[in-house]
Amino acid sequence: MLCRYLCAAVIVCFAANAALAQDPTKVEPKHYRLMFENDRVQVVSVHYGPHEKSEMHDHPGGVVVVVSGGHLRFTDQNGKVTEVYSKSGEARWFPPFKHKVENVGDDPYNAVYVGVKSKVTEVGANTAVSPDELARILLEYAGAPTKP
């Protein structure tokens, strides 16, 4: 009987650990820092120093706005490798995805990832926001002068 409870507890711990290990702010706090979160979005600051690598993690679909570009290598859960060259000020939409990241460049890479937790249907008075519109808004915000 004790063996059954022990086995069940071990399985629950592994399942909970696997679920938590996917959130980049939990498994990779060196590279991902939570800036803001509510029931609709998660805004995460992304930083990879030169040649730094991450563990496997996932993101909800969302928009990344590149602060300082770089050369990144993404490896998905199936082992497929994609190389990305990003430029400062660029914004891209990504569907939900799971991957490992490596900054293969000699310069740091910095970005802000806005993950959409649920379909955004209300902004102001029942206005839908498309991924392209969200990217435009974020780029506009990124280029705005800061207040003294």
Protein backbone atom coordinates (compact mmCIF):
# COMPACT_ATOMS: atom_id res chain seq x y z
CA MET A 1 0.00 0.00 0.00
CA LEU A 2 2.80 2.40 0.93
CA CYS A 3 4.50 1.59 -2.36
CA ARG A 4 1.38 2.69 -4.31
CA TYR A 5 1.27 6.05 -2.52
CA LEU A 6 4.98 6.56 -3.02
CA CYS A 7 4.75 5.74 -6.74
CA ALA A 8 1.76 8.07 -7.12
CA ALA A 9 3.62 10.87 -5.34
CA VAL A 10 6.66 10.42 -7.58
CA ILE A 11 4.49 10.54 -10.72
CA VAL A 12 2.73 13.69 -9.52
CA CYS A 13 6.10 15.36 -8.77
CA PHE A 14 7.45 14.50 -12.22
CA ALA A 15 4.29 15.79 -13.91
CA ALA A 16 4.34 19.03 -11.92
CA ASN A 17 8.05 19.49 -12.61
CA ALA A 18 7.53 18.93 -16.34
CA ALA A 19 4.72 21.48 -16.43
CA LEU A 20 6.78 24.11 -14.60
CA ALA A 21 9.94 23.39 -16.56
CA GLN A 22 8.33 24.68 -19.75
CA ASP A 23 7.84 28.29 -18.57
CA PRO A 24 10.98 30.18 -19.61
CA THR A 25 10.81 32.49 -16.60
CA LYS A 26 10.95 29.43 -14.33
CA VAL A 27 13.44 27.16 -16.12
CA GLU A 28 15.63 29.94 -17.60
CA PRO A 29 15.52 32.93 -15.23
CA LYS A 30 19.01 33.94 -16.43
CA HIS A 31 17.60 34.52 -19.93
CA TYR A 32 13.92 35.35 -19.32
CA ARG A 33 12.58 37.84 -16.78
CA LEU A 34 8.87 38.41 -16.22
CA MET A 35 8.03 42.10 -16.67
CA PHE A 36 4.22 41.97 -16.59
CA GLU A 37 1.51 39.34 -16.56
CA ASN A 38 -2.25 39.18 -16.41
CA ASP A 39 -4.89 36.72 -17.60
CA ARG A 40 -4.33 37.72 -21.24
CA VAL A 41 -0.62 38.35 -21.78
CA GLN A 42 2.82 37.60 -20.40
CA VAL A 43 5.51 40.20 -21.14
CA VAL A 44 9.01 38.80 -20.82
CA SER A 45 12.42 40.47 -21.11
CA VAL A 46 14.80 38.24 -23.08
CA HIS A 47 18.60 38.38 -22.76
CA TYR A 48 21.24 36.02 -24.12
CA GLY A 49 24.90 36.86 -23.74
CA PRO A 50 27.30 35.84 -26.50
CA HIS A 51 27.28 32.06 -27.04
CA GLU A 52 24.80 31.39 -24.20
CA LYS A 53 22.34 28.48 -24.49
CA SER A 54 18.99 27.69 -22.92
CA GLU A 55 17.22 24.52 -21.84
CA MET A 56 14.03 23.34 -23.56
CA HIS A 57 11.08 25.64 -22.80
CA ASP A 58 7.96 26.91 -24.50
CA HIS A 59 6.14 30.14 -25.18
CA PRO A 60 2.51 30.93 -25.94
CA GLY A 61 1.92 32.49 -29.35
CA GLY A 62 3.02 36.10 -29.37
CA VAL A 63 5.15 38.90 -30.69
CA VAL A 64 8.86 39.36 -30.11
CA VAL A 65 10.30 42.87 -30.44
CA VAL A 66 14.06 42.83 -30.90
CA VAL A 67 15.97 45.42 -28.88
CA SER A 68 19.48 44.40 -29.97
CA GLY A 69 19.67 41.90 -32.81
CA GLY A 70 21.78 38.85 -33.26
CA HIS A 71 22.25 35.40 -34.73
CA LEU A 72 20.23 32.75 -32.89
CA ARG A 73 19.91 29.01 -33.35
CA PHE A 74 16.57 27.48 -32.35
CA THR A 75 16.21 23.72 -31.87
CA ASP A 76 12.65 22.44 -31.50
CA GLN A 77 11.50 19.41 -29.49
CA ASN A 78 11.92 17.20 -32.58
CA GLY A 79 15.54 18.27 -33.15
CA LYS A 80 14.81 20.56 -36.11
CA VAL A 81 17.30 23.45 -36.18
CA THR A 82 16.41 26.92 -37.47
CA GLU A 83 18.88 29.79 -37.65
CA VAL A 84 17.48 33.30 -37.26
CA TYR A 85 19.21 36.60 -37.95
CA SER A 86 17.33 39.41 -36.22
CA LYS A 87 17.77 43.17 -36.39
CA SER A 88 17.12 45.84 -33.77
CA GLY A 89 13.58 47.18 -33.97
CA GLU A 90 12.26 44.15 -35.80
CA ALA A 91 9.01 42.54 -34.64
CA ARG A 92 7.86 39.02 -35.48
CA TRP A 93 4.78 36.95 -34.69
CA PHE A 94 5.34 33.38 -33.46
CA PRO A 95 2.72 30.68 -32.93
CA PRO A 96 3.02 28.70 -29.68
CA PHE A 97 6.35 26.86 -29.77
CA LYS A 98 8.77 24.77 -27.73
CA HIS A 99 12.53 25.06 -28.24
CA LYS A 100 16.08 25.51 -27.03
CA VAL A 101 17.98 28.67 -27.98
CA GLU A 102 21.64 29.39 -28.59
CA ASN A 103 23.08 32.83 -29.26
CA VAL A 104 25.75 31.87 -31.79
CA GLY A 105 26.90 35.47 -32.18
CA ASP A 106 29.60 37.45 -30.41
CA ASP A 107 27.19 40.16 -29.20
CA PRO A 108 24.39 40.02 -26.62
CA TYR A 109 20.83 39.54 -27.86
CA ASN A 110 17.97 41.43 -26.16
CA ALA A 111 14.25 41.41 -26.88
CA VAL A 112 10.80 41.66 -25.35
CA TYR A 113 8.37 38.78 -25.89
CA VAL A 114 4.66 39.45 -25.50
CA GLY A 115 2.96 36.08 -25.20
CA VAL A 116 -0.80 36.05 -25.75
CA LYS A 117 -2.43 33.67 -23.27
CA SER A 118 -5.89 33.86 -24.80
CA LYS A 119 -7.39 35.41 -27.88
CA VAL A 120 -7.50 39.17 -27.36
CA THR A 121 -10.96 40.31 -28.36
CA GLU A 122 -11.44 43.48 -26.37
CA VAL A 123 -9.32 46.60 -26.47
CA GLY A 124 -11.33 49.63 -25.60
CA ALA A 125 -14.76 49.08 -27.13
CA ASN A 126 -14.79 45.49 -28.45
CA THR A 127 -11.97 45.97 -30.96
CA ALA A 128 -9.95 42.94 -32.03
CA VAL A 129 -6.15 43.30 -32.21
CA SER A 130 -4.42 41.32 -34.93
CA PRO A 131 -0.85 40.06 -34.47
CA ASP A 132 0.35 42.57 -37.10
CA GLU A 133 -1.36 45.45 -35.30
CA LEU A 134 0.11 44.36 -31.97
CA ALA A 135 3.57 44.24 -33.58
CA ARG A 136 3.07 47.76 -35.00
CA ILE A 137 2.00 49.11 -31.60
CA LEU A 138 5.00 47.52 -29.88
CA LEU A 139 7.44 48.85 -32.48
CA GLU A 140 5.95 52.32 -32.10
CA TYR A 141 6.32 52.04 -28.34
CA ALA A 142 9.90 50.75 -28.61
CA GLY A 143 10.88 53.77 -30.74
CA ALA A 144 9.17 56.34 -28.50
CA PRO A 145 11.47 58.64 -26.54
CA THR A 146 11.68 57.91 -22.83
CA LYS A 147 10.47 60.43 -20.31
CA PRO A 148 13.17 62.20 -18.28
